[in-house]
Structure formats: structure tokens, C-alpha cells
Amino acid sequence: MRKGFTLIELALVVVIISMLIGTVLGILAPTLKMMSKTKVRQGMTAAKDSIIAFASVNGRLPYPDLDNDGKENIGQSWSSATSSIPCSAFLPTLTLGTSTGADICYDPNSALLTTNTSNFCVVLYEVMKNGNSSSTPPILTTARRPQCSSPPNDSGDDGVIDPPGTGYTTGAVLLNYGNNGVWDGRQLGNNREYDLPSNPLGDDPCTSAVEEIDDIVDEVPLGELYAKICTQSNTRLLIQANDGSVCCGNSATSVSSCYLYTGESAKGCTGGVGTNCSSCSSDKSFDDLINCDWDGSGCYANSSSEKDGVVYWIYDSNNSNWDWQQ
């Protein structure tokens, strides 16, 4: 009668168990990775919702958290904190009142950090209208580029997507390094351009290197921000008379200041408040004056006050003429 297993039988059992464990781990590893990525993506979705909710109440995007205390560092943006990857600017979870996202790097569009409840939508409109132009004036923005685009980054952090058509400006970029804990994409330093996903998991499609690309990159699109926060009634440009007076829309008599809405035109008057608007000239459309506020196009440029949702009617004493001023 046998009282136990032989050494050969025990060895076979160990081999079989090892093979089973290896098979199970081989099956579980991709599943665990996918579960981890799904959890991060769910956190990013929640983060996007909290960012949009914050902007709706405060009229601006939240600043990043630069010291890992969960609070935004007002007045400091991504570029002033980060010169290389890994990043040091994170989602301000305490400011946003969310329990997820502490491990999410957060790069907001700097044009939307200094707005308020009065001008957020009109500045957002300006960014949507002009942000992808190759002649965009210096403004710290975030951009998405197709993978393997050439050149991989612009030469400077100036908001210009160059060559034109190779990417687009967005509201904010959220990124997580994935399971390997490193940034596999091609965004480096302050050239804030992030690869669009075309090969989210696998070998680097842009080089011959064999490496896992498992970064998770998401964004808060400008269009989604506008659709969820803005309407025609709150997309308004403030028209201010520093000299003379102004008319907005179908006004009959001039005033010292008024709001101009999409589809309307404004007039500048050389006379004071109460002037009949039909006698005023310098008729400008909403989009014309948006361009004026953005980069001084078609008006007297004053770079110190551009992109603030305000356009002024002035008398230019240097040139002895009346003009619009950004």
C-alpha cells in the first residue's frame, strides 16, 4: 500500500501548479492594467466635470496645485512651475471639492485663468475663434497634436500652432503617466503640445523603439466649456467710451458704455452721451471688435490690456483721429 507521492510525482505537481499560476497571471495582467486605466479615466471624467462646474461659478479655470496640498496656487501657471517631465502641477482636488484626481497632472489654458464671471464667455469665444491661428499673439495655451506630427513641438511656448492645421488649442489638458510611471509621449519642457491618442497601448508608433505607451491624456475642450456655461446672453463684449460716446445694437441714443452681443454692431460717436446713434460712424461688428480685443487687428493696439473682453472708443491725439482700442 502506497503511503505518499514519489519525488517525481511531487515535481510534476509543482510544474503543473507553476504552469497554472503563470497562465492565470498572464490572463490577469492585461485585465488588471485595463482596470487601472479605467479607474484613471473615470477619475479624469469626474475631474473634467468639477473643472467645468468651478468655471461656471467662478468665471475662470482653477489654477494648478503646485505644492501637493490639494489647493490651487493662484497666480501661478503650468509654465512657471514646470520645465520638464514629470510634472509638478496637479489637479487642485481640495479647491474643486473632489476626492479623485490627486495623481492627475493638470495644464489649463492660461487665457482662461484670469477671467471673471463677466468676461469668461467672451474671452472663451475669442480663444475659440482665434486660438488656432498661426498668427496668434503670445499667450500661454495648451494644444493637442497628432502623434508623429513634424515637428513634434513648436520652438516656443507662445500659443502658436505651427505649422497651421497640425493641432488645436484646448481648454485644459489632464494627463496620467499610466502603469509604468513615466511620460511616454513626446511633450517635453514648456512646449505644451500633447499627443492625440492613436496607439494608446503598444510600441511607440513614431520611432523604432519597442516600448509600452500607456499614458492617459484627456482634455477639457473649448467647445464643451462653451456649451455647458455660455449662452448668447452672457457672451458679451463691453464697449467703453474713453472719449465721446458709444452705441450698441439698435440703440437710438449713445451712452458711456454698453454691452455688445454676437450678431450686433457698435458705433463710436464724437459727441457726448445722448447723441443720436444714426449720426455716429465707425460702425464695427461684434467679430471685428473681438479681433481688436484679441490682437489689435483693425484698431489701435494696446498689448497691456488685450484679451480682457473690453474694447474702448478713444480720441487718438497723436494721430488726431478717433479709433477703437483694445
Protein backbone atom coordinates (compact mmCIF):
# COMPACT_ATOMS: atom_id res chain seq x y z
CA MET A 1 0.00 0.00 0.00
CA ARG A 2 1.44 3.40 -1.02
CA LYS A 3 1.95 5.91 1.79
CA GLY A 4 2.85 9.05 -0.25
CA PHE A 5 3.99 10.54 -3.52
CA THR A 6 7.29 9.90 -5.14
CA LEU A 7 9.69 12.78 -5.78
CA ILE A 8 8.90 12.60 -9.48
CA GLU A 9 5.19 12.92 -8.81
CA LEU A 10 5.75 15.86 -6.48
CA ALA A 11 7.93 17.54 -9.08
CA LEU A 12 5.22 17.07 -11.69
CA VAL A 13 2.63 18.62 -9.36
CA VAL A 14 4.91 21.63 -8.75
CA VAL A 15 5.45 22.06 -12.50
CA ILE A 16 1.71 21.85 -13.22
CA ILE A 17 0.88 24.36 -10.46
CA SER A 18 3.57 26.74 -11.73
CA MET A 19 2.17 26.50 -15.25
CA LEU A 20 -1.34 27.19 -13.97
CA ILE A 21 -0.16 30.21 -11.97
CA GLY A 22 1.73 31.54 -14.99
CA THR A 23 -1.32 31.11 -17.19
CA VAL A 24 -3.60 32.85 -14.67
CA LEU A 25 -1.15 35.73 -14.22
CA GLY A 26 -0.80 36.05 -17.98
CA ILE A 27 -4.57 36.37 -18.25
CA LEU A 28 -4.93 38.67 -15.25
CA ALA A 29 -2.11 41.12 -16.06
CA PRO A 30 -3.84 42.80 -19.05
CA THR A 31 -7.12 42.78 -17.13
CA LEU A 32 -5.53 44.47 -14.12
CA LYS A 33 -3.90 47.05 -16.38
CA MET A 34 -7.20 47.75 -18.08
CA MET A 35 -8.94 48.09 -14.70
CA SER A 36 -6.27 50.56 -13.59
CA LYS A 37 -6.64 52.61 -16.78
CA THR A 38 -10.43 52.54 -16.45
CA LYS A 39 -10.18 53.86 -12.89
CA VAL A 40 -7.91 56.70 -14.01
CA ARG A 41 -10.22 57.56 -16.92
CA GLN A 42 -13.20 57.64 -14.57
CA GLY A 43 -11.22 60.00 -12.34
CA MET A 44 -10.48 62.20 -15.34
CA THR A 45 -14.15 62.34 -16.29
CA ALA A 46 -15.02 63.40 -12.73
CA ALA A 47 -12.16 65.93 -12.84
CA LYS A 48 -13.45 67.44 -16.09
CA ASP A 49 -16.93 67.81 -14.60
CA SER A 50 -15.53 69.51 -11.49
CA ILE A 51 -13.39 71.89 -13.57
CA ILE A 52 -16.41 72.93 -15.66
CA ALA A 53 -18.54 73.36 -12.50
CA PHE A 54 -15.79 75.55 -10.97
CA ALA A 55 -15.59 77.70 -14.11
CA SER A 56 -19.36 78.10 -14.18
CA VAL A 57 -19.36 79.54 -10.63
CA ASN A 58 -16.08 81.48 -10.65
CA GLY A 59 -15.80 82.63 -14.26
CA ARG A 60 -12.33 81.15 -14.70
CA LEU A 61 -10.47 77.86 -14.72
CA PRO A 62 -8.79 76.77 -11.47
CA TYR A 63 -5.05 77.22 -11.16
CA PRO A 64 -2.92 74.08 -10.72
CA ASP A 65 -1.80 72.73 -7.35
CA LEU A 66 1.97 73.25 -7.26
CA ASP A 67 2.80 72.14 -3.72
CA ASN A 68 0.69 69.00 -3.35
CA ASP A 69 -1.66 70.42 -0.72
CA GLY A 70 -4.74 69.96 -2.90
CA LYS A 71 -5.29 73.72 -3.26
CA GLU A 72 -4.83 75.89 -6.33
CA ASN A 73 -1.84 78.22 -6.38
CA ILE A 74 -3.49 81.41 -7.61
CA GLY A 75 -1.37 83.48 -9.94
CA GLN A 76 0.96 80.66 -10.94
CA SER A 77 0.51 78.59 -14.07
CA TRP A 78 1.97 75.41 -15.50
CA SER A 79 4.88 77.09 -17.29
CA SER A 80 6.11 78.87 -14.16
CA ALA A 81 6.23 75.58 -12.27
CA THR A 82 7.28 73.01 -14.81
CA SER A 83 10.30 72.87 -17.07
CA SER A 84 10.43 69.12 -17.52
CA ILE A 85 8.52 65.90 -17.10
CA PRO A 86 7.45 64.54 -14.65
CA CYS A 87 5.20 67.46 -13.92
CA SER A 88 4.79 69.35 -10.67
CA ALA A 89 1.39 70.86 -11.44
CA PHE A 90 -1.58 68.77 -10.36
CA LEU A 91 -5.34 68.96 -10.18
CA PRO A 92 -6.33 71.07 -7.11
CA THR A 93 -8.67 68.49 -5.60
CA LEU A 94 -9.49 70.39 -2.39
CA THR A 95 -10.29 73.56 -4.31
CA LEU A 96 -12.56 71.58 -6.61
CA GLY A 97 -14.11 69.57 -3.76
CA THR A 98 -13.35 66.22 -5.38
CA SER A 99 -11.82 63.14 -3.82
CA THR A 100 -10.28 61.89 -7.07
CA GLY A 101 -7.58 63.28 -9.31
CA ALA A 102 -4.65 63.85 -6.93
CA ASP A 103 -2.45 61.88 -9.35
CA ILE A 104 -3.62 63.78 -12.43
CA CYS A 105 -1.30 66.41 -13.94
CA TYR A 106 -3.29 69.48 -14.93
CA ASP A 107 -2.33 72.05 -17.57
CA PRO A 108 -5.01 74.77 -18.02
CA ASN A 109 -5.23 77.29 -20.84
CA SER A 110 -3.68 80.40 -19.29
CA ALA A 111 -6.05 82.74 -21.16
CA LEU A 112 -8.91 81.34 -19.06
CA LEU A 113 -7.22 81.64 -15.66
CA THR A 114 -7.58 85.40 -15.23
CA THR A 115 -11.15 85.91 -16.42
CA ASN A 116 -14.22 86.53 -14.24
CA THR A 117 -17.95 85.90 -14.37
CA SER A 118 -18.46 88.97 -16.58
CA ASN A 119 -15.93 88.25 -19.31
CA PHE A 120 -15.27 84.47 -19.18
CA CYS A 121 -17.57 83.61 -22.07
CA VAL A 122 -16.43 86.39 -24.38
CA VAL A 123 -12.74 85.58 -23.78
CA LEU A 124 -13.54 81.90 -24.32
CA TYR A 125 -15.26 82.91 -27.57
CA GLU A 126 -12.09 84.79 -28.56
CA VAL A 127 -9.90 81.76 -27.84
CA MET A 128 -12.25 79.51 -29.83
CA LYS A 129 -12.26 81.95 -32.76
CA ASN A 130 -8.56 82.81 -32.86
CA GLY A 131 -6.67 80.26 -30.79
CA ASN A 132 -5.70 78.01 -33.71
CA SER A 133 -4.38 80.80 -35.90
CA SER A 134 -0.70 80.68 -36.82
CA SER A 135 -0.60 84.42 -36.14
CA THR A 136 -1.84 84.04 -32.59
CA PRO A 137 -0.10 86.60 -30.36
CA PRO A 138 1.90 85.36 -27.35
CA ILE A 139 -0.46 83.68 -24.91
CA LEU A 140 0.21 80.58 -22.86
CA THR A 141 -2.11 77.92 -24.20
CA THR A 142 -2.37 74.16 -24.31
CA ALA A 143 -2.59 72.27 -27.59
CA ARG A 144 -3.16 68.78 -28.94
CA ARG A 145 -1.13 67.46 -31.87
CA PRO A 146 -1.48 64.22 -33.87
CA GLN A 147 1.06 61.58 -32.96
CA CYS A 148 4.23 61.65 -35.08
CA SER A 149 3.47 65.17 -36.32
CA SER A 150 6.52 67.01 -37.57
CA PRO A 151 7.97 68.98 -35.95
CA PRO A 152 6.90 67.28 -32.71
CA ASN A 153 6.75 70.62 -30.87
CA ASP A 154 6.87 74.28 -31.73
CA SER A 155 10.03 76.15 -30.86
CA GLY A 156 8.40 78.18 -28.09
CA ASP A 157 5.60 78.23 -25.56
CA ASP A 158 3.76 81.01 -27.36
CA GLY A 159 0.39 79.50 -28.20
CA VAL A 160 1.16 79.33 -31.91
CA ILE A 161 0.30 76.02 -33.56
CA ASP A 162 2.87 75.84 -36.29
CA PRO A 163 2.64 74.58 -38.99
CA PRO A 164 -1.02 75.66 -39.09
CA GLY A 165 -3.52 72.84 -39.10
CA THR A 166 -1.32 70.40 -37.19
CA GLY A 167 -3.22 70.69 -33.94
CA TYR A 168 -5.72 72.73 -31.99
CA THR A 169 -5.98 74.77 -28.81
CA THR A 170 -7.92 73.27 -25.93
CA GLY A 171 -9.24 74.41 -22.55
CA ALA A 172 -7.12 72.20 -20.31
CA VAL A 173 -5.11 69.01 -20.57
CA LEU A 174 -5.24 66.23 -17.98
CA LEU A 175 -2.59 63.53 -18.01
CA ASN A 176 -1.55 60.47 -16.06
CA TYR A 177 1.64 58.52 -16.67
CA GLY A 178 -0.08 55.14 -16.59
CA ASN A 179 1.22 51.93 -15.07
CA ASN A 180 4.89 52.44 -15.91
CA GLY A 181 5.03 55.78 -14.05
CA VAL A 182 6.81 57.70 -16.82
CA TRP A 183 5.73 60.02 -19.61
CA ASP A 184 5.99 58.09 -22.85
CA GLY A 185 4.66 60.84 -25.06
CA ARG A 186 6.67 63.45 -26.90
CA GLN A 187 5.65 66.55 -24.96
CA LEU A 188 8.79 67.98 -23.37
CA GLY A 189 9.54 71.01 -21.26
CA ASN A 190 7.29 74.02 -21.77
CA ASN A 191 6.24 73.23 -25.35
CA ARG A 192 2.76 72.42 -24.17
CA GLU A 193 1.62 70.19 -27.00
CA TYR A 194 0.24 66.77 -26.20
CA ASP A 195 -0.09 63.76 -28.47
CA LEU A 196 -3.55 62.81 -29.58
CA PRO A 197 -4.18 59.10 -28.92
CA SER A 198 -3.71 56.94 -32.00
CA ASN A 199 -1.89 54.00 -30.42
CA PRO A 200 -2.85 54.11 -26.73
CA LEU A 201 -1.18 50.84 -25.76
CA GLY A 202 1.75 49.22 -27.56
CA ASP A 203 5.03 50.11 -29.25
CA ASP A 204 5.89 53.74 -29.93
CA PRO A 205 4.35 54.42 -33.36
CA CYS A 206 6.71 57.34 -34.03
CA THR A 207 10.05 55.56 -33.64
CA SER A 208 11.53 52.10 -33.98
CA ALA A 209 11.78 51.80 -30.20
CA VAL A 210 9.96 48.88 -28.61
CA GLU A 211 8.32 50.31 -25.52
CA GLU A 212 4.95 50.40 -23.90
CA ILE A 213 2.96 53.57 -24.48
CA ASP A 214 0.43 53.68 -21.67
CA ASP A 215 -0.03 57.41 -20.95
CA ILE A 216 -3.59 58.54 -20.38
CA VAL A 217 -4.25 62.00 -21.80
CA ASP A 218 -7.60 63.78 -21.77
CA GLU A 219 -8.78 67.34 -22.18
CA VAL A 220 -11.48 69.86 -21.39
CA PRO A 221 -12.45 71.00 -24.91
CA LEU A 222 -13.19 74.67 -25.52
CA GLY A 223 -16.47 73.73 -27.19
CA GLU A 224 -17.62 71.71 -24.19
CA LEU A 225 -16.80 74.59 -21.84
CA TYR A 226 -18.76 76.99 -24.01
CA ALA A 227 -21.75 74.67 -24.48
CA LYS A 228 -22.12 74.00 -20.75
CA ILE A 229 -21.50 77.51 -19.43
CA CYS A 230 -22.15 80.11 -22.11
CA THR A 231 -25.14 81.44 -24.00
CA GLN A 232 -25.64 84.32 -26.40
CA SER A 233 -26.74 86.49 -23.47
CA ASN A 234 -23.52 86.04 -21.49
CA THR A 235 -21.17 86.19 -24.48
CA ARG A 236 -20.92 89.94 -24.44
CA LEU A 237 -18.19 92.45 -25.19
CA LEU A 238 -18.02 95.55 -23.02
CA ILE A 239 -17.85 98.69 -25.17
CA GLN A 240 -16.46 101.63 -23.21
CA ALA A 241 -16.19 105.28 -24.29
CA ASN A 242 -13.00 106.86 -23.02
CA ASP A 243 -13.88 109.83 -25.21
CA GLY A 244 -17.14 110.74 -26.92
CA SER A 245 -19.84 108.08 -26.52
CA VAL A 246 -20.89 104.73 -27.98
CA CYS A 247 -23.93 102.88 -29.32
CA CYS A 248 -24.57 99.13 -29.16
CA GLY A 249 -27.02 97.14 -31.26
CA ASN A 250 -30.22 99.02 -32.09
CA SER A 251 -29.80 101.80 -29.52
CA ALA A 252 -31.27 105.14 -30.54
CA THR A 253 -29.04 107.39 -28.43
CA SER A 254 -25.45 106.99 -27.29
CA VAL A 255 -24.20 106.06 -23.82
CA SER A 256 -20.88 105.98 -21.98
CA SER A 257 -20.70 102.15 -22.04
CA CYS A 258 -22.77 99.23 -23.22
CA TYR A 259 -22.62 95.50 -23.90
CA LEU A 260 -22.36 94.19 -27.45
CA TYR A 261 -23.66 90.70 -28.27
CA THR A 262 -22.97 88.27 -31.13
CA GLY A 263 -24.54 89.40 -34.39
CA GLU A 264 -24.68 93.06 -33.32
CA SER A 265 -22.63 96.12 -34.28
CA ALA A 266 -21.31 99.06 -32.28
CA LYS A 267 -20.83 102.69 -33.26
CA GLY A 268 -18.43 105.29 -31.94
CA CYS A 269 -19.69 108.84 -31.54
CA THR A 270 -17.64 112.02 -31.39
CA GLY A 271 -20.42 113.68 -29.46
CA GLY A 272 -21.25 113.12 -25.80
CA VAL A 273 -23.83 110.87 -24.17
CA GLY A 274 -27.28 111.28 -25.74
CA THR A 275 -26.05 111.72 -29.31
CA ASN A 276 -28.38 110.33 -31.96
CA CYS A 277 -26.83 106.99 -32.97
CA SER A 278 -27.78 107.48 -36.63
CA SER A 279 -25.28 110.34 -36.81
CA CYS A 280 -22.39 108.24 -35.45
CA SER A 281 -19.88 106.43 -37.63
CA SER A 282 -17.06 103.90 -37.14
CA ASP A 283 -19.56 101.06 -37.31
CA LYS A 284 -17.90 97.79 -36.18
CA SER A 285 -19.35 94.28 -35.97
CA PHE A 286 -19.05 92.06 -32.88
CA ASP A 287 -16.45 89.85 -34.59
CA ASP A 288 -14.45 92.89 -35.76
CA LEU A 289 -14.22 94.14 -32.20
CA ILE A 290 -13.43 90.63 -30.94
CA ASN A 291 -10.42 90.67 -33.27
CA CYS A 292 -9.50 94.08 -31.92
CA ASP A 293 -9.53 92.80 -28.34
CA TRP A 294 -7.61 89.66 -29.29
CA ASP A 295 -4.60 91.11 -31.10
CA GLY A 296 -5.34 94.70 -32.03
CA SER A 297 -6.49 93.86 -35.56
CA GLY A 298 -8.26 96.79 -37.20
CA CYS A 299 -7.88 99.10 -34.22
CA TYR A 300 -5.37 100.88 -32.01
CA ALA A 301 -3.39 98.10 -30.33
CA ASN A 302 -2.56 98.27 -26.65
CA SER A 303 -0.99 94.96 -25.67
CA SER A 304 -1.17 95.67 -21.95
CA SER A 305 -4.95 95.21 -21.93
CA GLU A 306 -5.66 92.70 -24.71
CA LYS A 307 -7.95 89.69 -24.37
CA ASP A 308 -9.97 91.07 -21.47
CA GLY A 309 -13.38 91.35 -23.14
CA VAL A 310 -13.30 95.17 -23.22
CA VAL A 311 -12.91 97.49 -26.23
CA TYR A 312 -12.60 101.29 -25.90
CA TRP A 313 -13.65 104.18 -28.09
CA ILE A 314 -10.95 106.86 -27.89
CA TYR A 315 -9.65 110.04 -29.44
CA ASP A 316 -6.10 109.37 -30.59
CA SER A 317 -4.43 112.74 -30.01
CA ASN A 318 -1.16 111.54 -31.53
CA ASN A 319 -2.81 110.99 -34.91
CA SER A 320 -5.71 113.42 -34.44
CA ASN A 321 -8.38 110.84 -35.16
CA TRP A 322 -11.00 108.69 -33.45
CA ASP A 323 -10.41 104.96 -33.16
CA TRP A 324 -11.24 101.75 -31.34
CA GLN A 325 -8.67 100.48 -28.83
CA GLN A 326 -8.17 97.02 -27.36
